[in-house]
Amino acid sequence: MGELSAIPIWLCIPFAGLLLSIAVMPLIKPDWWEKHQPLAVAFWSILFIIPFTAKYGIFTMSETVLECVVNDYLTFIVLLFEPDKSILTLFEVEIVAP
């Protein structure tokens, strides 16, 4: 994946749009956002995936999306549902009093 080191700035626009939607839409149109949030997320995701596939190919796109889902999203969800463990115990860090 060395060719991904210089991703064009235009591929960052969907990510910025998603962040802006998450930040602003609940304030401007809360009823609409609550009802259509999954569609908005899908829209911005597809707006990224299609040009990324056109530029880098289907294999690289599949690998990148799968890597993001497994490495970022699933680990975040696992951390959310383990409230009894702190981040320190996950990495086996011991705090020793002086």
PDB file of N, CA and C in Angstrom:
ATOM      1  N   MET A   1       0.822  -1.190   0.000  1.00  0.00           N
ATOM      2  CA  MET A   1       0.000   0.000   0.000  1.00  0.00           C
ATOM      3  C   MET A   1       0.865   1.252   0.000  1.00  0.00           C
ATOM      4  N   GLY A   2       2.030   1.195  -0.585  1.00  0.00           N
ATOM      5  CA  GLY A   2       2.913   2.343  -0.651  1.00  0.00           C
ATOM      6  C   GLY A   2       2.360   3.461  -1.501  1.00  0.00           C
ATOM      7  N   GLU A   3       1.530   3.117  -2.507  1.00  0.00           N
ATOM      8  CA  GLU A   3       0.995   4.162  -3.378  1.00  0.00           C
ATOM      9  C   GLU A   3      -0.054   5.017  -2.681  1.00  0.00           C
ATOM     10  N   LEU A   4      -0.493   4.628  -1.497  1.00  0.00           N
ATOM     11  CA  LEU A   4      -1.488   5.412  -0.765  1.00  0.00           C
ATOM     12  C   LEU A   4      -0.868   6.511   0.076  1.00  0.00           C
ATOM     13  N   SER A   5       0.449   6.659   0.036  1.00  0.00           N
ATOM     14  CA  SER A   5       1.103   7.648   0.883  1.00  0.00           C
ATOM     15  C   SER A   5       0.762   9.079   0.481  1.00  0.00           C
ATOM     16  N   ALA A   6       0.364   9.304  -0.754  1.00  0.00           N
ATOM     17  CA  ALA A   6       0.033  10.651  -1.211  1.00  0.00           C
ATOM     18  C   ALA A   6      -1.400  10.673  -1.743  1.00  0.00           C
ATOM     19  N   ILE A   7      -2.355  10.565  -0.852  1.00  0.00           N
ATOM     20  CA  ILE A   7      -3.766  10.594  -1.246  1.00  0.00           C
ATOM     21  C   ILE A   7      -4.134  12.023  -1.616  1.00  0.00           C
ATOM     22  N   PRO A   8      -4.775  12.223  -2.757  1.00  0.00           N
ATOM     23  CA  PRO A   8      -5.144  13.572  -3.182  1.00  0.00           C
ATOM     24  C   PRO A   8      -6.112  14.238  -2.200  1.00  0.00           C
ATOM     25  N   ILE A   9      -6.044  15.542  -2.127  1.00  0.00           N
ATOM     26  CA  ILE A   9      -6.873  16.303  -1.193  1.00  0.00           C
ATOM     27  C   ILE A   9      -8.362  16.154  -1.514  1.00  0.00           C
ATOM     28  N   TRP A  10      -8.713  15.958  -2.774  1.00  0.00           N
ATOM     29  CA  TRP A  10     -10.129  15.846  -3.136  1.00  0.00           C
ATOM     30  C   TRP A  10     -10.764  14.585  -2.565  1.00  0.00           C
ATOM     31  N   LEU A  11      -9.950  13.603  -2.183  1.00  0.00           N
ATOM     32  CA  LEU A  11     -10.498  12.416  -1.524  1.00  0.00           C
ATOM     33  C   LEU A  11     -10.799  12.670  -0.048  1.00  0.00           C
ATOM     34  N   CYS A  12     -10.330  13.778   0.488  1.00  0.00           N
ATOM     35  CA  CYS A  12     -10.619  14.138   1.882  1.00  0.00           C
ATOM     36  C   CYS A  12     -11.943  14.885   2.018  1.00  0.00           C
ATOM     37  N   ILE A  13     -12.485  15.380   0.928  1.00  0.00           N
ATOM     38  CA  ILE A  13     -13.732  16.155   0.968  1.00  0.00           C
ATOM     39  C   ILE A  13     -14.897  15.343   1.543  1.00  0.00           C
ATOM     40  N   PRO A  14     -15.111  14.087   1.142  1.00  0.00           N
ATOM     41  CA  PRO A  14     -16.209  13.334   1.758  1.00  0.00           C
ATOM     42  C   PRO A  14     -16.051  13.157   3.268  1.00  0.00           C
ATOM     43  N   PHE A  15     -14.824  12.972   3.742  1.00  0.00           N
ATOM     44  CA  PHE A  15     -14.602  12.840   5.176  1.00  0.00           C
ATOM     45  C   PHE A  15     -14.944  14.146   5.885  1.00  0.00           C
ATOM     46  N   ALA A  16     -14.512  15.255   5.321  1.00  0.00           N
ATOM     47  CA  ALA A  16     -14.842  16.555   5.911  1.00  0.00           C
ATOM     48  C   ALA A  16     -16.349  16.790   5.884  1.00  0.00           C
ATOM     49  N   GLY A  17     -17.007  16.393   4.796  1.00  0.00           N
ATOM     50  CA  GLY A  17     -18.457  16.527   4.711  1.00  0.00           C
ATOM     51  C   GLY A  17     -19.169  15.690   5.760  1.00  0.00           C
ATOM     52  N   LEU A  18     -18.671  14.482   6.008  1.00  0.00           N
ATOM     53  CA  LEU A  18     -19.260  13.629   7.030  1.00  0.00           C
ATOM     54  C   LEU A  18     -19.097  14.253   8.415  1.00  0.00           C
ATOM     55  N   LEU A  19     -17.890  14.733   8.727  1.00  0.00           N
ATOM     56  CA  LEU A  19     -17.676  15.374  10.023  1.00  0.00           C
ATOM     57  C   LEU A  19     -18.545  16.613  10.188  1.00  0.00           C
ATOM     58  N   LEU A  20     -18.647  17.402   9.140  1.00  0.00           N
ATOM     59  CA  LEU A  20     -19.488  18.601   9.183  1.00  0.00           C
ATOM     60  C   LEU A  20     -20.953  18.235   9.364  1.00  0.00           C
ATOM     61  N   SER A  21     -21.400  17.192   8.699  1.00  0.00           N
ATOM     62  CA  SER A  21     -22.785  16.736   8.853  1.00  0.00           C
ATOM     63  C   SER A  21     -23.064  16.282  10.278  1.00  0.00           C
ATOM     64  N   ILE A  22     -22.134  15.529  10.845  1.00  0.00           N
ATOM     65  CA  ILE A  22     -22.309  15.036  12.215  1.00  0.00           C
ATOM     66  C   ILE A  22     -22.332  16.198  13.211  1.00  0.00           C
ATOM     67  N   ALA A  23     -21.547  17.226  12.941  1.00  0.00           N
ATOM     68  CA  ALA A  23     -21.465  18.351  13.866  1.00  0.00           C
ATOM     69  C   ALA A  23     -22.620  19.337  13.714  1.00  0.00           C
ATOM     70  N   VAL A  24     -23.066  19.580  12.483  1.00  0.00           N
ATOM     71  CA  VAL A  24     -24.008  20.668  12.234  1.00  0.00           C
ATOM     72  C   VAL A  24     -25.454  20.215  12.088  1.00  0.00           C
ATOM     73  N   MET A  25     -25.687  19.116  11.414  1.00  0.00           N
ATOM     74  CA  MET A  25     -27.066  18.708  11.126  1.00  0.00           C
ATOM     75  C   MET A  25     -27.921  18.468  12.369  1.00  0.00           C
ATOM     76  N   PRO A  26     -27.396  17.886  13.453  1.00  0.00           N
ATOM     77  CA  PRO A  26     -28.238  17.744  14.642  1.00  0.00           C
ATOM     78  C   PRO A  26     -28.674  19.085  15.230  1.00  0.00           C
ATOM     79  N   LEU A  27     -27.898  20.128  14.985  1.00  0.00           N
ATOM     80  CA  LEU A  27     -28.254  21.452  15.486  1.00  0.00           C
ATOM     81  C   LEU A  27     -29.240  22.168  14.572  1.00  0.00           C
ATOM     82  N   ILE A  28     -29.078  21.988  13.259  1.00  0.00           N
ATOM     83  CA  ILE A  28     -29.923  22.694  12.292  1.00  0.00           C
ATOM     84  C   ILE A  28     -31.246  21.970  12.067  1.00  0.00           C
ATOM     85  N   LYS A  29     -31.189  20.692  11.790  1.00  0.00           N
ATOM     86  CA  LYS A  29     -32.370  19.875  11.484  1.00  0.00           C
ATOM     87  C   LYS A  29     -32.353  18.604  12.333  1.00  0.00           C
ATOM     88  N   PRO A  30     -32.615  18.696  13.630  1.00  0.00           N
ATOM     89  CA  PRO A  30     -32.491  17.506  14.485  1.00  0.00           C
ATOM     90  C   PRO A  30     -33.458  16.380  14.123  1.00  0.00           C
ATOM     91  N   ASP A  31     -34.683  16.705  13.752  1.00  0.00           N
ATOM     92  CA  ASP A  31     -35.641  15.645  13.385  1.00  0.00           C
ATOM     93  C   ASP A  31     -35.210  14.929  12.115  1.00  0.00           C
ATOM     94  N   TRP A  32     -34.787  15.707  11.127  1.00  0.00           N
ATOM     95  CA  TRP A  32     -34.326  15.120   9.873  1.00  0.00           C
ATOM     96  C   TRP A  32     -33.093  14.254  10.115  1.00  0.00           C
ATOM     97  N   TRP A  33     -32.158  14.769  10.907  1.00  0.00           N
ATOM     98  CA  TRP A  33     -30.910  14.046  11.158  1.00  0.00           C
ATOM     99  C   TRP A  33     -31.175  12.723  11.871  1.00  0.00           C
ATOM    100  N   GLU A  34     -32.065  12.736  12.851  1.00  0.00           N
ATOM    101  CA  GLU A  34     -32.359  11.513  13.585  1.00  0.00           C
ATOM    102  C   GLU A  34     -32.950  10.442  12.677  1.00  0.00           C
ATOM    103  N   LYS A  35     -33.761  10.879  11.734  1.00  0.00           N
ATOM    104  CA  LYS A  35     -34.420   9.929  10.833  1.00  0.00           C
ATOM    105  C   LYS A  35     -33.502   9.464   9.703  1.00  0.00           C
ATOM    106  N   HIS A  36     -32.644  10.347   9.206  1.00  0.00           N
ATOM    107  CA  HIS A  36     -31.861  10.063   8.004  1.00  0.00           C
ATOM    108  C   HIS A  36     -30.356   9.930   8.234  1.00  0.00           C
ATOM    109  N   GLN A  37     -29.918   9.815   9.456  1.00  0.00           N
ATOM    110  CA  GLN A  37     -28.478   9.715   9.734  1.00  0.00           C
ATOM    111  C   GLN A  37     -27.803   8.560   8.984  1.00  0.00           C
ATOM    112  N   PRO A  38     -28.369   7.349   8.978  1.00  0.00           N
ATOM    113  CA  PRO A  38     -27.699   6.267   8.233  1.00  0.00           C
ATOM    114  C   PRO A  38     -27.571   6.569   6.740  1.00  0.00           C
ATOM    115  N   LEU A  39     -28.572   7.225   6.162  1.00  0.00           N
ATOM    116  CA  LEU A  39     -28.490   7.570   4.742  1.00  0.00           C
ATOM    117  C   LEU A  39     -27.411   8.612   4.481  1.00  0.00           C
ATOM    118  N   ALA A  40     -27.283   9.569   5.387  1.00  0.00           N
ATOM    119  CA  ALA A  40     -26.247  10.596   5.226  1.00  0.00           C
ATOM    120  C   ALA A  40     -24.854   9.984   5.331  1.00  0.00           C
ATOM    121  N   VAL A  41     -24.679   9.077   6.275  1.00  0.00           N
ATOM    122  CA  VAL A  41     -23.380   8.404   6.429  1.00  0.00           C
ATOM    123  C   VAL A  41     -23.078   7.551   5.198  1.00  0.00           C
ATOM    124  N   ALA A  42     -24.082   6.841   4.706  1.00  0.00           N
ATOM    125  CA  ALA A  42     -23.895   6.031   3.496  1.00  0.00           C
ATOM    126  C   ALA A  42     -23.560   6.917   2.296  1.00  0.00           C
ATOM    127  N   PHE A  43     -24.229   8.065   2.183  1.00  0.00           N
ATOM    128  CA  PHE A  43     -23.961   8.992   1.079  1.00  0.00           C
ATOM    129  C   PHE A  43     -22.503   9.444   1.075  1.00  0.00           C
ATOM    130  N   TRP A  44     -22.011   9.914   2.235  1.00  0.00           N
ATOM    131  CA  TRP A  44     -20.631  10.390   2.295  1.00  0.00           C
ATOM    132  C   TRP A  44     -19.629   9.251   2.104  1.00  0.00           C
ATOM    133  N   SER A  45     -19.975   8.058   2.586  1.00  0.00           N
ATOM    134  CA  SER A  45     -19.086   6.903   2.401  1.00  0.00           C
ATOM    135  C   SER A  45     -18.977   6.522   0.932  1.00  0.00           C
ATOM    136  N   ILE A  46     -20.111   6.478   0.257  1.00  0.00           N
ATOM    137  CA  ILE A  46     -20.108   6.145  -1.177  1.00  0.00           C
ATOM    138  C   ILE A  46     -19.407   7.226  -1.981  1.00  0.00           C
ATOM    139  N   LEU A  47     -19.577   8.476  -1.549  1.00  0.00           N
ATOM    140  CA  LEU A  47     -18.903   9.578  -2.232  1.00  0.00           C
ATOM    141  C   LEU A  47     -17.383   9.470  -2.110  1.00  0.00           C
ATOM    142  N   PHE A  48     -16.902   8.783  -1.094  1.00  0.00           N
ATOM    143  CA  PHE A  48     -15.471   8.508  -0.984  1.00  0.00           C
ATOM    144  C   PHE A  48     -15.081   7.254  -1.752  1.00  0.00           C
ATOM    145  N   ILE A  49     -15.861   6.187  -1.593  1.00  0.00           N
ATOM    146  CA  ILE A  49     -15.488   4.874  -2.129  1.00  0.00           C
ATOM    147  C   ILE A  49     -15.429   4.866  -3.653  1.00  0.00           C
ATOM    148  N   ILE A  50     -16.370   5.500  -4.323  1.00  0.00           N
ATOM    149  CA  ILE A  50     -16.394   5.466  -5.796  1.00  0.00           C
ATOM    150  C   ILE A  50     -15.160   6.126  -6.407  1.00  0.00           C
ATOM    151  N   PRO A  51     -14.800   7.381  -6.045  1.00  0.00           N
ATOM    152  CA  PRO A  51     -13.574   7.951  -6.629  1.00  0.00           C
ATOM    153  C   PRO A  51     -12.298   7.220  -6.195  1.00  0.00           C
ATOM    154  N   PHE A  52     -12.275   6.723  -4.957  1.00  0.00           N
ATOM    155  CA  PHE A  52     -11.106   5.975  -4.481  1.00  0.00           C
ATOM    156  C   PHE A  52     -10.915   4.716  -5.312  1.00  0.00           C
ATOM    157  N   THR A  53     -12.026   4.027  -5.620  1.00  0.00           N
ATOM    158  CA  THR A  53     -11.963   2.828  -6.455  1.00  0.00           C
ATOM    159  C   THR A  53     -11.495   3.167  -7.860  1.00  0.00           C
ATOM    160  N   ALA A  54     -11.995   4.277  -8.399  1.00  0.00           N
ATOM    161  CA  ALA A  54     -11.595   4.680  -9.748  1.00  0.00           C
ATOM    162  C   ALA A  54     -10.098   4.989  -9.815  1.00  0.00           C
ATOM    163  N   LYS A  55      -9.559   5.575  -8.755  1.00  0.00           N
ATOM    164  CA  LYS A  55      -8.142   5.958  -8.776  1.00  0.00           C
ATOM    165  C   LYS A  55      -7.211   4.798  -8.435  1.00  0.00           C
ATOM    166  N   TYR A  56      -7.567   3.978  -7.428  1.00  0.00           N
ATOM    167  CA  TYR A  56      -6.644   2.955  -6.938  1.00  0.00           C
ATOM    168  C   TYR A  56      -7.030   1.524  -7.290  1.00  0.00           C
ATOM    169  N   GLY A  57      -8.252   1.289  -7.740  1.00  0.00           N
ATOM    170  CA  GLY A  57      -8.675  -0.048  -8.117  1.00  0.00           C
ATOM    171  C   GLY A  57      -9.498  -0.731  -7.040  1.00  0.00           C
ATOM    172  N   ILE A  58     -10.227  -1.750  -7.456  1.00  0.00           N
ATOM    173  CA  ILE A  58     -11.165  -2.439  -6.569  1.00  0.00           C
ATOM    174  C   ILE A  58     -10.448  -3.194  -5.450  1.00  0.00           C
ATOM    175  N   PHE A  59      -9.287  -3.792  -5.741  1.00  0.00           N
ATOM    176  CA  PHE A  59      -8.578  -4.561  -4.716  1.00  0.00           C
ATOM    177  C   PHE A  59      -8.085  -3.655  -3.594  1.00  0.00           C
ATOM    178  N   THR A  60      -7.460  -2.546  -3.942  1.00  0.00           N
ATOM    179  CA  THR A  60      -6.953  -1.612  -2.938  1.00  0.00           C
ATOM    180  C   THR A  60      -8.095  -1.007  -2.144  1.00  0.00           C
ATOM    181  N   MET A  61      -9.207  -0.686  -2.818  1.00  0.00           N
ATOM    182  CA  MET A  61     -10.371  -0.135  -2.123  1.00  0.00           C
ATOM    183  C   MET A  61     -10.913  -1.154  -1.129  1.00  0.00           C
ATOM    184  N   SER A  62     -11.070  -2.397  -1.554  1.00  0.00           N
ATOM    185  CA  SER A  62     -11.599  -3.437  -0.671  1.00  0.00           C
ATOM    186  C   SER A  62     -10.691  -3.641   0.537  1.00  0.00           C
ATOM    187  N   GLU A  63      -9.400  -3.692   0.280  1.00  0.00           N
ATOM    188  CA  GLU A  63      -8.440  -3.873   1.362  1.00  0.00           C
ATOM    189  C   GLU A  63      -8.479  -2.709   2.344  1.00  0.00           C
ATOM    190  N   THR A  64      -8.553  -1.491   1.827  1.00  0.00           N
ATOM    191  CA  THR A  64      -8.572  -0.301   2.676  1.00  0.00           C
ATOM    192  C   THR A  64      -9.844  -0.218   3.504  1.00  0.00           C
ATOM    193  N   VAL A  65     -10.990  -0.460   2.887  1.00  0.00           N
ATOM    194  CA  VAL A  65     -12.261  -0.412   3.610  1.00  0.00           C
ATOM    195  C   VAL A  65     -12.314  -1.501   4.668  1.00  0.00           C
ATOM    196  N   LEU A  66     -11.887  -2.705   4.323  1.00  0.00           N
ATOM    197  CA  LEU A  66     -11.888  -3.807   5.288  1.00  0.00           C
ATOM    198  C   LEU A  66     -10.937  -3.515   6.446  1.00  0.00           C
ATOM    199  N   GLU A  67      -9.783  -2.968   6.137  1.00  0.00           N
ATOM    200  CA  GLU A  67      -8.817  -2.617   7.183  1.00  0.00           C
ATOM    201  C   GLU A  67      -9.400  -1.562   8.123  1.00  0.00           C
ATOM    202  N   CYS A  68     -10.077  -0.570   7.579  1.00  0.00           N
ATOM    203  CA  CYS A  68     -10.697   0.468   8.417  1.00  0.00           C
ATOM    204  C   CYS A  68     -11.789  -0.116   9.306  1.00  0.00           C
ATOM    205  N   VAL A  69     -12.607  -0.987   8.739  1.00  0.00           N
ATOM    206  CA  VAL A  69     -13.703  -1.577   9.507  1.00  0.00           C
ATOM    207  C   VAL A  69     -13.149  -2.443  10.633  1.00  0.00           C
ATOM    208  N   VAL A  70     -12.190  -3.296  10.325  1.00  0.00           N
ATOM    209  CA  VAL A  70     -11.676  -4.223  11.332  1.00  0.00           C
ATOM    210  C   VAL A  70     -10.788  -3.504  12.347  1.00  0.00           C
ATOM    211  N   ASN A  71      -9.832  -2.731  11.885  1.00  0.00           N
ATOM    212  CA  ASN A  71      -8.863  -2.124  12.791  1.00  0.00           C
ATOM    213  C   ASN A  71      -9.404  -0.939  13.569  1.00  0.00           C
ATOM    214  N   ASP A  72     -10.289  -0.172  12.982  1.00  0.00           N
ATOM    215  CA  ASP A  72     -10.756   1.037  13.650  1.00  0.00           C
ATOM    216  C   ASP A  72     -12.147   0.866  14.251  1.00  0.00           C
ATOM    217  N   TYR A  73     -13.108   0.523  13.424  1.00  0.00           N
ATOM    218  CA  TYR A  73     -14.493   0.482  13.878  1.00  0.00           C
ATOM    219  C   TYR A  73     -14.746  -0.633  14.888  1.00  0.00           C
ATOM    220  N   LEU A  74     -14.349  -1.856  14.577  1.00  0.00           N
ATOM    221  CA  LEU A  74     -14.630  -2.976  15.476  1.00  0.00           C
ATOM    222  C   LEU A  74     -13.895  -2.853  16.812  1.00  0.00           C
ATOM    223  N   THR A  75     -12.656  -2.380  16.791  1.00  0.00           N
ATOM    224  CA  THR A  75     -11.943  -2.203  18.054  1.00  0.00           C
ATOM    225  C   THR A  75     -12.597  -1.109  18.894  1.00  0.00           C
ATOM    226  N   PHE A  76     -13.118  -0.078  18.262  1.00  0.00           N
ATOM    227  CA  PHE A  76     -13.835   0.971  18.980  1.00  0.00           C
ATOM    228  C   PHE A  76     -15.103   0.410  19.619  1.00  0.00           C
ATOM    229  N   ILE A  77     -15.857  -0.402  18.880  1.00  0.00           N
ATOM    230  CA  ILE A  77     -17.083  -1.001  19.406  1.00  0.00           C
ATOM    231  C   ILE A  77     -16.765  -1.933  20.573  1.00  0.00           C
ATOM    232  N   VAL A  78     -15.705  -2.703  20.460  1.00  0.00           N
ATOM    233  CA  VAL A  78     -15.318  -3.598  21.554  1.00  0.00           C
ATOM    234  C   VAL A  78     -14.982  -2.787  22.803  1.00  0.00           C
ATOM    235  N   LEU A  79     -14.275  -1.694  22.645  1.00  0.00           N
ATOM    236  CA  LEU A  79     -13.947  -0.841  23.790  1.00  0.00           C
ATOM    237  C   LEU A  79     -15.200  -0.232  24.416  1.00  0.00           C
ATOM    238  N   LEU A  80     -16.193   0.083  23.607  1.00  0.00           N
ATOM    239  CA  LEU A  80     -17.435   0.648  24.139  1.00  0.00           C
ATOM    240  C   LEU A  80     -18.177  -0.332  25.030  1.00  0.00           C
ATOM    241  N   PHE A  81     -18.156  -1.606  24.681  1.00  0.00           N
ATOM    242  CA  PHE A  81     -18.927  -2.594  25.402  1.00  0.00           C
ATOM    243  C   PHE A  81     -18.134  -3.328  26.476  1.00  0.00           C
ATOM    244  N   GLU A  82     -16.979  -2.809  26.850  1.00  0.00           N
ATOM    245  CA  GLU A  82     -16.208  -3.361  27.955  1.00  0.00           C
ATOM    246  C   GLU A  82     -16.000  -2.282  29.009  1.00  0.00           C
ATOM    247  N   PRO A  83     -17.073  -1.864  29.687  1.00  0.00           N
ATOM    248  CA  PRO A  83     -16.946  -0.752  30.630  1.00  0.00           C
ATOM    249  C   PRO A  83     -16.167  -1.100  31.893  1.00  0.00           C
ATOM    250  N   ASP A  84     -16.038  -2.378  32.222  1.00  0.00           N
ATOM    251  CA  ASP A  84     -15.349  -2.745  33.443  1.00  0.00           C
ATOM    252  C   ASP A  84     -13.823  -2.709  33.296  1.00  0.00           C
ATOM    253  N   LYS A  85     -13.333  -2.607  32.080  1.00  0.00           N
ATOM    254  CA  LYS A  85     -11.890  -2.554  31.864  1.00  0.00           C
ATOM    255  C   LYS A  85     -11.491  -1.144  31.458  1.00  0.00           C
ATOM    256  N   SER A  86     -10.494  -0.629  32.090  1.00  0.00           N
ATOM    257  CA  SER A  86      -9.994   0.677  31.687  1.00  0.00           C
ATOM    258  C   SER A  86      -8.982   0.492  30.565  1.00  0.00           C
ATOM    259  N   ILE A  87      -8.611   1.575  29.963  1.00  0.00           N
ATOM    260  CA  ILE A  87      -7.643   1.516  28.862  1.00  0.00           C
ATOM    261  C   ILE A  87      -6.290   1.016  29.370  1.00  0.00           C
ATOM    262  N   LEU A  88      -5.990   1.274  30.634  1.00  0.00           N
ATOM    263  CA  LEU A  88      -4.715   0.811  31.190  1.00  0.00           C
ATOM    264  C   LEU A  88      -4.674  -0.703  31.295  1.00  0.00           C
ATOM    265  N   THR A  89      -5.798  -1.329  31.674  1.00  0.00           N
ATOM    266  CA  THR A  89      -5.787  -2.785  31.787  1.00  0.00           C
ATOM    267  C   THR A  89      -5.790  -3.458  30.431  1.00  0.00           C
ATOM    268  N   LEU A  90      -6.291  -2.783  29.413  1.00  0.00           N
ATOM    269  CA  LEU A  90      -6.275  -3.363  28.077  1.00  0.00           C
ATOM    270  C   LEU A  90      -4.850  -3.521  27.556  1.00  0.00           C
ATOM    271  N   PHE A  91      -3.986  -2.591  27.928  1.00  0.00           N
ATOM    272  CA  PHE A  91      -2.606  -2.649  27.469  1.00  0.00           C
ATOM    273  C   PHE A  91      -1.670  -3.184  28.542  1.00  0.00           C
ATOM    274  N   GLU A  92      -2.242  -3.729  29.618  1.00  0.00           N
ATOM    275  CA  GLU A  92      -1.494  -4.321  30.708  1.00  0.00           C
ATOM    276  C   GLU A  92      -0.447  -3.366  31.277  1.00  0.00           C
ATOM    277  N   VAL A  93      -0.872  -2.152  31.560  1.00  0.00           N
ATOM    278  CA  VAL A  93       0.000  -1.153  32.137  1.00  0.00           C
ATOM    279  C   VAL A  93      -0.221  -1.157  33.646  1.00  0.00           C
ATOM    280  N   GLU A  94       0.850  -1.254  34.373  1.00  0.00           N
ATOM    281  CA  GLU A  94       0.744  -1.235  35.840  1.00  0.00           C
ATOM    282  C   GLU A  94       1.176   0.125  36.349  1.00  0.00           C
ATOM    283  N   ILE A  95       0.379   0.654  37.254  1.00  0.00           N
ATOM    284  CA  ILE A  95       0.735   1.918  37.888  1.00  0.00           C
ATOM    285  C   ILE A  95       1.322   1.582  39.259  1.00  0.00           C
ATOM    286  N   VAL A  96       2.565   1.925  39.440  1.00  0.00           N
ATOM    287  CA  VAL A  96       3.271   1.610  40.679  1.00  0.00           C
ATOM    288  C   VAL A  96       3.455   2.899  41.467  1.00  0.00           C
ATOM    289  N   ALA A  97       3.030   2.872  42.726  1.00  0.00           N
ATOM    290  CA  ALA A  97       3.195   4.051  43.579  1.00  0.00           C
ATOM    291  C   ALA A  97       4.665   4.226  43.926  1.00  0.00           C
ATOM    292  N   PRO A  98       5.150   5.469  43.994  1.00  0.00           N
ATOM    293  CA  PRO A  98       6.566   5.686  44.318  1.00  0.00           C
ATOM    294  C   PRO A  98       6.894   5.370  45.749  1.00  0.00           C
TER     295      PRO A  98
END
